[in-house]
C-alpha atoms as a PDB file:
ATOM      1  CA  MET A   1      -1.861-113.833 -31.473  1.00  0.00           C
ATOM      2  CA  PHE A   2      -3.942-116.890 -32.460  1.00  0.00           C
ATOM      3  CA  LYS A   3      -5.961-116.511 -29.232  1.00  0.00           C
ATOM      4  CA  ILE A   4      -7.097-113.099 -30.456  1.00  0.00           C
ATOM      5  CA  PHE A   5      -7.543-113.791 -34.174  1.00  0.00           C
ATOM      6  CA  GLY A   6      -8.359-117.524 -34.069  1.00  0.00           C
ATOM      7  CA  PHE A   7     -12.114-116.964 -33.939  1.00  0.00           C
ATOM      8  CA  SER A   8     -11.933-114.385 -36.751  1.00  0.00           C
ATOM      9  CA  ILE A   9     -10.073-116.879 -38.954  1.00  0.00           C
ATOM     10  CA  PHE A  10     -12.594-119.628 -38.127  1.00  0.00           C
ATOM     11  CA  ILE A  11     -15.634-117.426 -38.816  1.00  0.00           C
ATOM     12  CA  THR A  12     -14.073-116.203 -42.085  1.00  0.00           C
ATOM     13  CA  ILE A  13     -13.517-119.749 -43.361  1.00  0.00           C
ATOM     14  CA  THR A  14     -17.054-120.722 -42.286  1.00  0.00           C
ATOM     15  CA  ALA A  15     -18.582-117.697 -44.053  1.00  0.00           C
ATOM     16  CA  LEU A  16     -16.660-118.408 -47.265  1.00  0.00           C
ATOM     17  CA  ILE A  17     -17.814-122.055 -47.226  1.00  0.00           C
ATOM     18  CA  VAL A  18     -21.436-120.931 -46.686  1.00  0.00           C
ATOM     19  CA  ALA A  19     -21.146-118.457 -49.589  1.00  0.00           C
ATOM     20  CA  LEU A  20     -19.539-121.124 -51.785  1.00  0.00           C
ATOM     21  CA  VAL A  21     -22.324-123.646 -51.084  1.00  0.00           C
ATOM     22  CA  TYR A  22     -25.011-120.944 -51.388  1.00  0.00           C
ATOM     23  CA  SER A  23     -24.014-119.562 -54.782  1.00  0.00           C
ATOM     24  CA  GLY A  24     -20.621-120.792 -55.964  1.00  0.00           C
ATOM     25  CA  PRO A  25     -17.051-119.395 -56.175  1.00  0.00           C
ATOM     26  CA  ALA A  26     -18.172-115.924 -57.325  1.00  0.00           C
ATOM     27  CA  ALA A  27     -20.256-115.539 -54.151  1.00  0.00           C
ATOM     28  CA  ALA A  28     -17.281-116.559 -52.005  1.00  0.00           C
ATOM     29  CA  MET A  29     -15.088-113.939 -53.732  1.00  0.00           C
ATOM     30  CA  THR A  30     -17.791-111.288 -53.246  1.00  0.00           C
ATOM     31  CA  THR A  31     -17.994-112.160 -49.546  1.00  0.00           C
ATOM     32  CA  LEU A  32     -14.210-111.898 -49.213  1.00  0.00           C
ATOM     33  CA  PHE A  33     -14.275-108.474 -50.897  1.00  0.00           C
ATOM     34  CA  LEU A  34     -17.049-107.272 -48.568  1.00  0.00           C
ATOM     35  CA  ILE A  35     -14.994-108.403 -45.561  1.00  0.00           C
ATOM     36  CA  ALA A  36     -12.088-106.271 -46.820  1.00  0.00           C
ATOM     37  CA  VAL A  37     -14.384-103.270 -47.440  1.00  0.00           C
ATOM     38  CA  GLU A  38     -15.816-103.435 -43.915  1.00  0.00           C
ATOM     39  CA  MET A  39     -12.337-103.695 -42.375  1.00  0.00           C
ATOM     40  CA  ALA A  40     -11.051-100.717 -44.390  1.00  0.00           C
ATOM     41  CA  ILE A  41     -14.018 -98.476 -43.575  1.00  0.00           C
ATOM     42  CA  SER A  42     -14.234 -99.442 -39.897  1.00  0.00           C
ATOM     43  CA  PHE A  43     -10.586 -99.633 -38.817  1.00  0.00           C
ATOM     44  CA  ASP A  44     -10.928 -96.225 -37.158  1.00  0.00           C
ATOM     45  CA  ASN A  45     -13.839 -97.732 -35.227  1.00  0.00           C
ATOM     46  CA  ALA A  46     -11.464-100.353 -33.782  1.00  0.00           C
ATOM     47  CA  ILE A  47      -9.182 -97.624 -32.432  1.00  0.00           C
ATOM     48  CA  VAL A  48     -12.004 -95.618 -30.852  1.00  0.00           C
ATOM     49  CA  ASN A  49     -13.503 -98.826 -29.422  1.00  0.00           C
ATOM     50  CA  ALA A  50     -10.168 -99.700 -27.798  1.00  0.00           C
ATOM     51  CA  LYS A  51     -10.319 -96.564 -25.620  1.00  0.00           C
ATOM     52  CA  VAL A  52     -13.633 -97.632 -24.105  1.00  0.00           C
ATOM     53  CA  LEU A  53     -12.992-101.386 -24.099  1.00  0.00           C
ATOM     54  CA  ALA A  54      -9.755-100.954 -22.120  1.00  0.00           C
ATOM     55  CA  LYS A  55     -11.886 -99.688 -19.220  1.00  0.00           C
ATOM     56  CA  LEU A  56     -14.152-102.759 -19.178  1.00  0.00           C
ATOM     57  CA  SER A  57     -13.458-105.917 -17.179  1.00  0.00           C
ATOM     58  CA  HIS A  58     -12.238-109.094 -18.911  1.00  0.00           C
ATOM     59  CA  PHE A  59     -15.762-110.538 -18.643  1.00  0.00           C
ATOM     60  CA  TRP A  60     -17.277-107.590 -20.517  1.00  0.00           C
ATOM     61  CA  GLN A  61     -14.507-107.708 -23.093  1.00  0.00           C
ATOM     62  CA  GLN A  62     -15.556-111.311 -23.776  1.00  0.00           C
ATOM     63  CA  ILE A  63     -19.201-110.202 -23.985  1.00  0.00           C
ATOM     64  CA  PHE A  64     -18.079-107.640 -26.586  1.00  0.00           C
ATOM     65  CA  LEU A  65     -16.472-110.462 -28.601  1.00  0.00           C
ATOM     66  CA  THR A  66     -19.366-112.944 -28.288  1.00  0.00           C
ATOM     67  CA  VAL A  67     -22.773-111.349 -27.703  1.00  0.00           C
ATOM     68  CA  GLY A  68     -21.502-108.166 -29.341  1.00  0.00           C
ATOM     69  CA  ILE A  69     -20.589-110.040 -32.521  1.00  0.00           C
ATOM     70  CA  LEU A  70     -24.083-111.564 -32.740  1.00  0.00           C
ATOM     71  CA  ILE A  71     -25.526-108.058 -32.400  1.00  0.00           C
ATOM     72  CA  ALA A  72     -23.104-106.739 -35.045  1.00  0.00           C
ATOM     73  CA  ILE A  73     -24.018-109.420 -37.596  1.00  0.00           C
ATOM     74  CA  PHE A  74     -27.720-110.118 -37.092  1.00  0.00           C
ATOM     75  CA  VAL A  75     -29.029-106.892 -35.543  1.00  0.00           C
ATOM     76  CA  VAL A  76     -26.854-104.158 -37.060  1.00  0.00           C
ATOM     77  CA  ARG A  77     -26.032-105.543 -40.516  1.00  0.00           C
ATOM     78  CA  PHE A  78     -29.186-107.559 -41.232  1.00  0.00           C
ATOM     79  CA  LEU A  79     -32.074-106.371 -39.047  1.00  0.00           C
ATOM     80  CA  LEU A  80     -31.261-102.635 -38.821  1.00  0.00           C
ATOM     81  CA  PRO A  81     -31.388-102.022 -42.622  1.00  0.00           C
ATOM     82  CA  ILE A  82     -34.753-103.842 -42.668  1.00  0.00           C
ATOM     83  CA  VAL A  83     -36.091-101.562 -39.913  1.00  0.00           C
ATOM     84  CA  ILE A  84     -34.804 -98.496 -41.804  1.00  0.00           C
ATOM     85  CA  VAL A  85     -36.620 -99.592 -44.990  1.00  0.00           C
ATOM     86  CA  MET A  86     -39.746-100.358 -42.934  1.00  0.00           C
ATOM     87  CA  LEU A  87     -39.783 -96.842 -41.438  1.00  0.00           C
ATOM     88  CA  THR A  88     -38.817 -94.852 -44.546  1.00  0.00           C
ATOM     89  CA  ALA A  89     -40.924 -96.814 -47.068  1.00  0.00           C
ATOM     90  CA  ASN A  90     -43.938 -97.246 -44.733  1.00  0.00           C
ATOM     91  CA  LEU A  91     -43.970-101.010 -45.229  1.00  0.00           C
ATOM     92  CA  ALA A  92     -44.882-103.747 -42.769  1.00  0.00           C
ATOM     93  CA  PHE A  93     -41.999-105.685 -41.241  1.00  0.00           C
ATOM     94  CA  HIS A  94     -42.974-108.971 -42.928  1.00  0.00           C
ATOM     95  CA  ASP A  95     -43.201-107.210 -46.315  1.00  0.00           C
ATOM     96  CA  VAL A  96     -39.644-105.900 -45.959  1.00  0.00           C
ATOM     97  CA  ILE A  97     -38.404-109.354 -44.893  1.00  0.00           C
ATOM     98  CA  ASN A  98     -40.085-110.779 -47.996  1.00  0.00           C
ATOM     99  CA  LEU A  99     -38.336-108.172 -50.171  1.00  0.00           C
ATOM    100  CA  ALA A 100     -34.962-108.816 -48.535  1.00  0.00           C
ATOM    101  CA  LEU A 101     -35.190-112.569 -49.105  1.00  0.00           C
ATOM    102  CA  ASN A 102     -37.141-112.829 -52.372  1.00  0.00           C
ATOM    103  CA  ASP A 103     -36.725-109.545 -54.262  1.00  0.00           C
ATOM    104  CA  THR A 104     -33.255-108.308 -53.365  1.00  0.00           C
ATOM    105  CA  ALA A 105     -33.090-105.798 -56.233  1.00  0.00           C
ATOM    106  CA  LYS A 106     -36.212-103.973 -55.029  1.00  0.00           C
ATOM    107  CA  TYR A 107     -35.019-104.187 -51.415  1.00  0.00           C
ATOM    108  CA  GLY A 108     -31.749-102.555 -52.478  1.00  0.00           C
ATOM    109  CA  GLU A 109     -33.715 -99.782 -54.209  1.00  0.00           C
ATOM    110  CA  LYS A 110     -35.810 -99.172 -51.088  1.00  0.00           C
ATOM    111  CA  LEU A 111     -32.678 -99.034 -48.937  1.00  0.00           C
ATOM    112  CA  HIS A 112     -31.054 -96.616 -51.388  1.00  0.00           C
ATOM    113  CA  ASP A 113     -34.198 -94.452 -51.233  1.00  0.00           C
ATOM    114  CA  ALA A 114     -33.576 -94.189 -47.478  1.00  0.00           C
ATOM    115  CA  HIS A 115     -30.084 -92.801 -48.130  1.00  0.00           C
ATOM    116  CA  ALA A 116     -30.951 -89.265 -46.965  1.00  0.00           C
ATOM    117  CA  ALA A 117     -32.111 -90.532 -43.565  1.00  0.00           C
ATOM    118  CA  ILE A 118     -29.108 -92.849 -43.216  1.00  0.00           C
ATOM    119  CA  ALA A 119     -26.695 -90.072 -44.231  1.00  0.00           C
ATOM    120  CA  GLY A 120     -28.350 -87.637 -41.826  1.00  0.00           C
ATOM    121  CA  PHE A 121     -28.313 -89.928 -38.793  1.00  0.00           C
ATOM    122  CA  GLY A 122     -24.921 -91.590 -39.323  1.00  0.00           C
ATOM    123  CA  GLY A 123     -23.160 -88.426 -40.488  1.00  0.00           C
ATOM    124  CA  SER A 124     -24.394 -86.217 -37.648  1.00  0.00           C
ATOM    125  CA  PHE A 125     -23.699 -88.928 -35.042  1.00  0.00           C
ATOM    126  CA  LEU A 126     -20.077 -89.316 -36.178  1.00  0.00           C
ATOM    127  CA  LEU A 127     -19.600 -85.567 -36.669  1.00  0.00           C
ATOM    128  CA  ALA A 128     -20.687 -84.984 -33.062  1.00  0.00           C
ATOM    129  CA  LEU A 129     -18.214 -87.660 -31.929  1.00  0.00           C
ATOM    130  CA  SER A 130     -15.289 -86.045 -33.763  1.00  0.00           C
ATOM    131  CA  ILE A 131     -16.167 -82.504 -32.628  1.00  0.00           C
ATOM    132  CA  TYR A 132     -16.394 -83.604 -28.988  1.00  0.00           C
ATOM    133  CA  PHE A 133     -12.874 -85.001 -29.407  1.00  0.00           C
ATOM    134  CA  LEU A 134     -11.497 -81.830 -31.020  1.00  0.00           C
ATOM    135  CA  LEU A 135     -13.022 -79.581 -28.339  1.00  0.00           C
ATOM    136  CA  ASP A 136     -11.980 -81.788 -25.406  1.00  0.00           C
ATOM    137  CA  ASP A 137     -10.316 -79.304 -23.031  1.00  0.00           C
ATOM    138  CA  GLU A 138      -8.857 -82.099 -20.853  1.00  0.00           C
ATOM    139  CA  ARG A 139      -6.803 -83.680 -23.632  1.00  0.00           C
ATOM    140  CA  LYS A 140      -3.038 -83.395 -23.005  1.00  0.00           C
ATOM    141  CA  VAL A 141      -1.627 -84.931 -26.202  1.00  0.00           C
ATOM    142  CA  PHE A 142      -1.704 -82.999 -29.484  1.00  0.00           C
ATOM    143  CA  TRP A 143      -0.833 -84.259 -32.945  1.00  0.00           C
ATOM    144  CA  ILE A 144      -1.540 -81.166 -35.085  1.00  0.00           C
ATOM    145  CA  LYS A 145      -0.961 -78.657 -32.295  1.00  0.00           C
ATOM    146  CA  ARG A 146      -1.654 -75.522 -34.353  1.00  0.00           C
ATOM    147  CA  ILE A 147      -5.195 -76.734 -34.962  1.00  0.00           C
ATOM    148  CA  GLU A 148      -5.974 -78.780 -31.861  1.00  0.00           C
ATOM    149  CA  LYS A 149      -4.658 -76.461 -29.129  1.00  0.00           C
ATOM    150  CA  PRO A 150      -6.736 -73.381 -30.133  1.00  0.00           C
ATOM    151  CA  LEU A 151      -9.882 -75.513 -30.492  1.00  0.00           C
ATOM    152  CA  GLN A 152      -9.599 -76.558 -26.836  1.00  0.00           C
ATOM    153  CA  LYS A 153     -10.498 -72.999 -25.828  1.00  0.00           C
ATOM    154  CA  PHE A 154     -14.061 -73.745 -26.967  1.00  0.00           C
ATOM    155  CA  GLY A 155     -14.285 -76.972 -24.937  1.00  0.00           C
ATOM    156  CA  GLY A 156     -15.608 -77.648 -21.474  1.00  0.00           C
ATOM    157  CA  THR A 157     -19.316 -77.596 -22.343  1.00  0.00           C
ATOM    158  CA  VAL A 158     -21.589 -80.441 -23.358  1.00  0.00           C
ATOM    159  CA  TRP A 159     -23.845 -78.254 -25.522  1.00  0.00           C
ATOM    160  CA  LEU A 160     -21.420 -76.644 -28.023  1.00  0.00           C
ATOM    161  CA  PRO A 161     -20.633 -79.728 -30.206  1.00  0.00           C
ATOM    162  CA  PRO A 162     -24.332 -80.558 -30.813  1.00  0.00           C
ATOM    163  CA  VAL A 163     -25.033 -76.888 -31.565  1.00  0.00           C
ATOM    164  CA  ILE A 164     -22.228 -76.902 -34.163  1.00  0.00           C
ATOM    165  CA  VAL A 165     -23.499 -80.147 -35.731  1.00  0.00           C
ATOM    166  CA  LEU A 166     -27.119 -78.972 -35.818  1.00  0.00           C
ATOM    167  CA  SER A 167     -26.030 -75.690 -37.418  1.00  0.00           C
ATOM    168  CA  VAL A 168     -24.090 -77.567 -40.117  1.00  0.00           C
ATOM    169  CA  VAL A 169     -26.900 -80.021 -40.934  1.00  0.00           C
ATOM    170  CA  SER A 170     -29.528 -77.251 -40.914  1.00  0.00           C
ATOM    171  CA  ILE A 171     -27.573 -75.359 -43.576  1.00  0.00           C
ATOM    172  CA  MET A 172     -27.050 -78.573 -45.562  1.00  0.00           C
ATOM    173  CA  ALA A 173     -30.775 -79.362 -45.379  1.00  0.00           C
ATOM    174  CA  LEU A 174     -31.543 -76.098 -47.201  1.00  0.00           C
ATOM    175  CA  PHE A 175     -29.910 -77.581 -50.308  1.00  0.00           C
ATOM    176  CA  ALA A 176     -31.206 -81.140 -49.935  1.00  0.00           C
ATOM    177  CA  HIS A 177     -34.378 -80.319 -51.943  1.00  0.00           C
ATOM    178  CA  SER A 178     -36.956 -83.141 -51.728  1.00  0.00           C
ATOM    179  CA  HIS A 179     -34.923 -84.967 -49.059  1.00  0.00           C
ATOM    180  CA  ALA A 180     -34.590 -81.923 -46.761  1.00  0.00           C
ATOM    181  CA  GLN A 181     -37.152 -82.917 -44.112  1.00  0.00           C
ATOM    182  CA  GLU A 182     -36.104 -86.560 -44.001  1.00  0.00           C
ATOM    183  CA  PHE A 183     -32.406 -85.611 -43.818  1.00  0.00           C
ATOM    184  CA  LEU A 184     -32.872 -82.990 -41.089  1.00  0.00           C
ATOM    185  CA  ARG A 185     -35.073 -85.179 -38.867  1.00  0.00           C
ATOM    186  CA  ALA A 186     -32.557 -88.014 -39.033  1.00  0.00           C
ATOM    187  CA  ALA A 187     -29.633 -85.635 -38.441  1.00  0.00           C
ATOM    188  CA  ILE A 188     -31.283 -84.188 -35.330  1.00  0.00           C
ATOM    189  CA  ALA A 189     -31.894 -87.734 -34.053  1.00  0.00           C
ATOM    190  CA  GLY A 190     -28.261 -88.713 -34.735  1.00  0.00           C
ATOM    191  CA  THR A 191     -26.904 -85.625 -32.977  1.00  0.00           C
ATOM    192  CA  LEU A 192     -29.090 -86.073 -29.909  1.00  0.00           C
ATOM    193  CA  THR A 193     -28.328 -89.809 -29.765  1.00  0.00           C
ATOM    194  CA  TYR A 194     -24.571 -89.268 -29.624  1.00  0.00           C
ATOM    195  CA  THR A 195     -24.918 -86.358 -27.175  1.00  0.00           C
ATOM    196  CA  LEU A 196     -26.991 -88.551 -24.843  1.00  0.00           C
ATOM    197  CA  LEU A 197     -24.458 -91.394 -25.109  1.00  0.00           C
ATOM    198  CA  LYS A 198     -21.610 -88.981 -24.410  1.00  0.00           C
ATOM    199  CA  VAL A 199     -23.363 -87.610 -21.320  1.00  0.00           C
ATOM    200  CA  ILE A 200     -24.026 -91.162 -20.056  1.00  0.00           C
ATOM    201  CA  LEU A 201     -20.414 -92.224 -20.675  1.00  0.00           C
ATOM    202  CA  ASP A 202     -19.088 -89.133 -18.876  1.00  0.00           C
ATOM    203  CA  PHE A 203     -21.455 -89.899 -15.996  1.00  0.00           C
ATOM    204  CA  VAL A 204     -20.111 -93.459 -15.820  1.00  0.00           C
ATOM    205  CA  GLU A 205     -16.504 -92.216 -15.741  1.00  0.00           C
ATOM    206  CA  ARG A 206     -17.248 -89.700 -12.997  1.00  0.00           C
ATOM    207  CA  PHE A 207     -19.410 -91.848 -10.733  1.00  0.00           C
ATOM    208  CA  ALA A 208     -18.180 -95.395 -11.319  1.00  0.00           C
ATOM    209  CA  PRO A 209     -16.788 -96.970  -8.108  1.00  0.00           C
ATOM    210  CA  SER A 210     -13.421 -95.398  -7.358  1.00  0.00           C
ATOM    211  CA  GLY A 211     -10.288 -97.487  -6.905  1.00  0.00           C
ATOM    212  CA  LYS A 212     -11.240 -99.881  -9.722  1.00  0.00           C
ATOM    213  CA  LYS A 213      -9.060-100.069 -12.813  1.00  0.00           C
ATOM    214  CA  THR A 214     -11.868-101.620 -14.858  1.00  0.00           C
ATOM    215  CA  TYR A 215     -15.643-101.253 -14.945  1.00  0.00           C
ATOM    216  CA  THR A 216     -18.035-104.027 -13.940  1.00  0.00           C
ATOM    217  CA  GLY A 217     -21.805-104.128 -13.454  1.00  0.00           C
ATOM    218  CA  TRP A 218     -23.932-101.303 -14.805  1.00  0.00           C
ATOM    219  CA  PRO A 219     -20.992 -99.010 -15.755  1.00  0.00           C
ATOM    220  CA  ALA A 220     -19.624-101.841 -17.920  1.00  0.00           C
ATOM    221  CA  LEU A 221     -23.086-102.494 -19.389  1.00  0.00           C
ATOM    222  CA  LEU A 222     -23.421 -98.839 -20.390  1.00  0.00           C
ATOM    223  CA  GLY A 223     -19.940 -98.914 -21.908  1.00  0.00           C
ATOM    224  CA  PHE A 224     -20.878-102.047 -23.880  1.00  0.00           C
ATOM    225  CA  LEU A 225     -24.099-100.441 -25.163  1.00  0.00           C
ATOM    226  CA  TYR A 226     -22.115 -97.347 -26.187  1.00  0.00           C
ATOM    227  CA  LEU A 227     -19.792 -99.554 -28.273  1.00  0.00           C
ATOM    228  CA  GLU A 228     -22.749-101.276 -29.972  1.00  0.00           C
ATOM    229  CA  VAL A 229     -24.449 -97.996 -30.934  1.00  0.00           C
ATOM    230  CA  LEU A 230     -21.099 -96.694 -32.181  1.00  0.00           C
ATOM    231  CA  ASP A 231     -20.700 -99.823 -34.312  1.00  0.00           C
ATOM    232  CA  ALA A 232     -24.182 -99.317 -35.786  1.00  0.00           C
ATOM    233  CA  SER A 233     -23.325 -95.762 -36.845  1.00  0.00           C
ATOM    234  CA  PHE A 234     -20.121 -96.926 -38.524  1.00  0.00           C
ATOM    235  CA  SER A 235     -22.020 -99.668 -40.365  1.00  0.00           C
ATOM    236  CA  PHE A 236     -24.398 -97.408 -42.320  1.00  0.00           C
ATOM    237  CA  ASP A 237     -21.965 -96.472 -45.066  1.00  0.00           C
ATOM    238  CA  GLY A 238     -20.776-100.050 -45.434  1.00  0.00           C
ATOM    239  CA  VAL A 239     -24.331-101.399 -45.828  1.00  0.00           C
ATOM    240  CA  LEU A 240     -25.174 -98.846 -48.522  1.00  0.00           C
ATOM    241  CA  GLY A 241     -21.880 -99.392 -50.322  1.00  0.00           C
ATOM    242  CA  ALA A 242     -22.337-103.163 -50.215  1.00  0.00           C
ATOM    243  CA  PHE A 243     -25.384-102.921 -52.478  1.00  0.00           C
ATOM    244  CA  ALA A 244     -23.146-101.416 -55.155  1.00  0.00           C
ATOM    245  CA  ILE A 245     -21.184-104.689 -55.031  1.00  0.00           C
ATOM    246  CA  THR A 246     -24.036-107.211 -54.724  1.00  0.00           C
ATOM    247  CA  ASN A 247     -27.774-107.254 -54.028  1.00  0.00           C
ATOM    248  CA  GLN A 248     -27.598-110.611 -52.225  1.00  0.00           C
ATOM    249  CA  VAL A 249     -28.638-109.826 -48.646  1.00  0.00           C
ATOM    250  CA  LEU A 250     -27.101-113.025 -47.254  1.00  0.00           C
ATOM    251  CA  LEU A 251     -23.699-112.237 -48.787  1.00  0.00           C
ATOM    252  CA  ILE A 252     -23.865-108.652 -47.485  1.00  0.00           C
ATOM    253  CA  ALA A 253     -24.693-109.828 -43.956  1.00  0.00           C
ATOM    254  CA  LEU A 254     -21.930-112.450 -44.140  1.00  0.00           C
ATOM    255  CA  GLY A 255     -19.246-110.163 -45.572  1.00  0.00           C
ATOM    256  CA  LEU A 256     -19.912-107.103 -43.427  1.00  0.00           C
ATOM    257  CA  GLY A 257     -20.565-109.234 -40.349  1.00  0.00           C
ATOM    258  CA  VAL A 258     -17.272-111.111 -40.651  1.00  0.00           C
ATOM    259  CA  GLY A 259     -15.504-107.806 -41.329  1.00  0.00           C
ATOM    260  CA  ALA A 260     -16.977-106.528 -38.053  1.00  0.00           C
ATOM    261  CA  VAL A 261     -15.597-109.610 -36.281  1.00  0.00           C
ATOM    262  CA  TRP A 262     -12.093-108.753 -37.544  1.00  0.00           C
ATOM    263  CA  VAL A 263     -12.507-105.132 -36.430  1.00  0.00           C
ATOM    264  CA  ARG A 264     -13.407-106.334 -32.931  1.00  0.00           C
ATOM    265  CA  SER A 265     -10.407-108.656 -32.875  1.00  0.00           C
ATOM    266  CA  PHE A 266      -8.150-105.722 -33.779  1.00  0.00           C
ATOM    267  CA  THR A 267      -9.778-103.783 -30.932  1.00  0.00           C
ATOM    268  CA  ILE A 268      -8.969-106.570 -28.461  1.00  0.00           C
ATOM    269  CA  MET A 269      -5.389-106.759 -29.776  1.00  0.00           C
ATOM    270  CA  MET A 270      -4.899-103.019 -29.216  1.00  0.00           C
ATOM    271  CA  VAL A 271      -6.280-103.287 -25.679  1.00  0.00           C
ATOM    272  CA  ARG A 272      -4.080-106.274 -24.791  1.00  0.00           C
ATOM    273  CA  ARG A 273      -0.928-104.702 -26.237  1.00  0.00           C
ATOM    274  CA  GLY A 274      -1.577-101.160 -25.008  1.00  0.00           C
ATOM    275  CA  THR A 275      -1.263 -99.904 -28.591  1.00  0.00           C
ATOM    276  CA  LEU A 276      -2.922 -96.535 -27.952  1.00  0.00           C
ATOM    277  CA  ALA A 277      -0.497 -95.793 -25.124  1.00  0.00           C
ATOM    278  CA  THR A 278       2.499 -96.800 -27.268  1.00  0.00           C
ATOM    279  CA  TYR A 279       1.414 -94.909 -30.400  1.00  0.00           C
ATOM    280  CA  LYS A 280      -0.003 -91.746 -28.898  1.00  0.00           C
ATOM    281  CA  TYR A 281      -1.308 -90.137 -32.106  1.00  0.00           C
ATOM    282  CA  LEU A 282      -3.360 -93.144 -33.265  1.00  0.00           C
ATOM    283  CA  ASP A 283      -6.371 -91.865 -31.338  1.00  0.00           C
ATOM    284  CA  HIS A 284      -6.084 -88.535 -33.160  1.00  0.00           C
ATOM    285  CA  GLY A 285      -5.763 -90.256 -36.527  1.00  0.00           C
ATOM    286  CA  ALA A 286      -8.873 -92.330 -35.832  1.00  0.00           C
ATOM    287  CA  HIS A 287     -10.939 -89.263 -34.954  1.00  0.00           C
ATOM    288  CA  TYR A 288      -9.771 -87.399 -38.061  1.00  0.00           C
ATOM    289  CA  ALA A 289     -10.712 -90.498 -40.083  1.00  0.00           C
ATOM    290  CA  ILE A 290     -14.131 -90.456 -38.399  1.00  0.00           C
ATOM    291  CA  LEU A 291     -14.459 -86.791 -39.358  1.00  0.00           C
ATOM    292  CA  ILE A 292     -13.793 -87.773 -42.992  1.00  0.00           C
ATOM    293  CA  LEU A 293     -16.435 -90.526 -42.796  1.00  0.00           C
ATOM    294  CA  ALA A 294     -18.947 -88.154 -41.161  1.00  0.00           C
ATOM    295  CA  LEU A 295     -18.494 -85.511 -43.862  1.00  0.00           C
ATOM    296  CA  ALA A 296     -18.651 -88.167 -46.597  1.00  0.00           C
ATOM    297  CA  LEU A 297     -21.946 -89.461 -45.189  1.00  0.00           C
ATOM    298  CA  LEU A 298     -23.444 -85.970 -44.926  1.00  0.00           C
ATOM    299  CA  LEU A 299     -22.266 -84.963 -48.400  1.00  0.00           C
ATOM    300  CA  GLY A 300     -23.781 -88.220 -49.641  1.00  0.00           C
ATOM    301  CA  VAL A 301     -27.167 -86.489 -49.625  1.00  0.00           C
ATOM    302  CA  TYR A 302     -25.896 -84.500 -52.649  1.00  0.00           C
ATOM    303  CA  VAL A 303     -23.304 -86.730 -54.305  1.00  0.00           C
ATOM    304  CA  GLU A 304     -22.272 -90.368 -53.972  1.00  0.00           C
ATOM    305  CA  ILE A 305     -18.718 -90.754 -52.661  1.00  0.00           C
ATOM    306  CA  PRO A 306     -17.184 -94.187 -53.413  1.00  0.00           C
ATOM    307  CA  ASP A 307     -16.379 -96.376 -50.415  1.00  0.00           C
ATOM    308  CA  ALA A 308     -12.888 -96.887 -51.847  1.00  0.00           C
ATOM    309  CA  VAL A 309     -12.187 -93.146 -51.502  1.00  0.00           C
ATOM    310  CA  ILE A 310     -13.497 -93.074 -47.925  1.00  0.00           C
ATOM    311  CA  GLY A 311     -11.669 -96.247 -46.917  1.00  0.00           C
ATOM    312  CA  LEU A 312      -8.322 -95.236 -48.442  1.00  0.00           C
ATOM    313  CA  SER A 313      -8.572 -91.719 -46.967  1.00  0.00           C
ATOM    314  CA  SER A 314      -9.294 -93.123 -43.504  1.00  0.00           C
ATOM    315  CA  ILE A 315      -6.470 -95.662 -43.670  1.00  0.00           C
ATOM    316  CA  GLY A 316      -4.119 -92.953 -44.985  1.00  0.00           C
ATOM    317  CA  VAL A 317      -4.829 -90.621 -42.052  1.00  0.00           C
ATOM    318  CA  ILE A 318      -4.425 -93.450 -39.524  1.00  0.00           C
ATOM    319  CA  LEU A 319      -1.177 -94.535 -41.206  1.00  0.00           C
ATOM    320  CA  PHE A 320       0.184 -90.977 -40.977  1.00  0.00           C
ATOM    321  CA  SER A 321      -0.737 -90.840 -37.279  1.00  0.00           C
ATOM    322  CA  PHE A 322       1.050 -94.174 -36.737  1.00  0.00           C
ATOM    323  CA  ILE A 323       4.200 -92.899 -38.510  1.00  0.00           C
ATOM    324  CA  ALA A 324       4.080 -89.657 -36.497  1.00  0.00           C
ATOM    325  CA  SER A 325       3.744 -91.671 -33.267  1.00  0.00           C
ATOM    326  CA  LYS A 326       6.691 -93.883 -34.198  1.00  0.00           C
ATOM    327  CA  HIS A 327       8.793 -90.833 -35.068  1.00  0.00           C
ATOM    328  CA  SER A 328       7.905 -89.230 -31.719  1.00  0.00           C
ATOM    329  CA  ASN A 329       8.844 -92.441 -29.876  1.00  0.00           C
ATOM    330  CA  ASN A 330      12.216 -92.659 -31.670  1.00  0.00           C
ATOM    331  CA  LYS A 331      12.909 -88.999 -30.931  1.00  0.00           C
ATOM    332  CA  ARG A 332      12.156 -89.523 -27.243  1.00  0.00           C
ATOM    333  CA  LEU A 333      14.441 -92.584 -27.078  1.00  0.00           C
ATOM    334  CA  LYS A 334      17.327 -90.677 -28.684  1.00  0.00           C
ATOM    335  CA  SER A 335      16.993 -87.779 -26.254  1.00  0.00           C
ATOM    336  CA  ALA A 336      16.793 -90.109 -23.221  1.00  0.00           C
END
């Protein structure tokens, strides 16, 4: 257990010490709270990641935990919001860096002004992911059979999920008023991004060298990149929500980054223990939780939904899927 979570514990202690030295005990408590927020919002991400990570070689799993963590902290949770502000506010990169470091309140305002674009991209990306899962005609395990089984009849095509998502966001854009264009452009980009990733991942699964239990080389690289883009999409809501807690960019990067480290450690634990195979409905619960997050992001263009509501709803659905899995396992043991 310590082998898996040892680094997470070390990085958490280090981050809290940095926050304490940087701005005192209150900053350390804020960082700790942000870590908890990121873990709550992204736990479904850990489950979905485990499906892909289980197919990668041990080397690439270590890359996910080392290089991937650097990407998660510095690129996704620090640099990506800066790029978003740069693009949506038409500011030069150095001007946004200056805002982020020296005028955090204004930087937070600029990032909040980009909410429609963030909601459009992140929401449509995650909605496409969940719809692909629901329409998967090769899936053999059903949790809510009355809903999931009939939906499979519409599966088997790569184009239907993006068409559904684009139809939904197009209707939503009609009521987005001044943010309509910005929201729709970002939503189209998010939908196409996930569709492209899905096609690439399916290609890898079909044409990766046969006879291998795990991927190496370019199939593993593509799988790793898929996980990083997925992580970025999950991070959007957390970054926005973090500014409701603090406008200190360093604390946000620390808290959300360390939270991402814990999420990755949970992913590794599930891969090592074969958790998804043991608790067969966890995958379903994670995708329903992702559906909740996707809808919350998209609806965020009209109304702000608290992160606490999203996080608790996601954890609740995953908990129910865990209980259902355990009940199914006990039932199978009794009948054996």
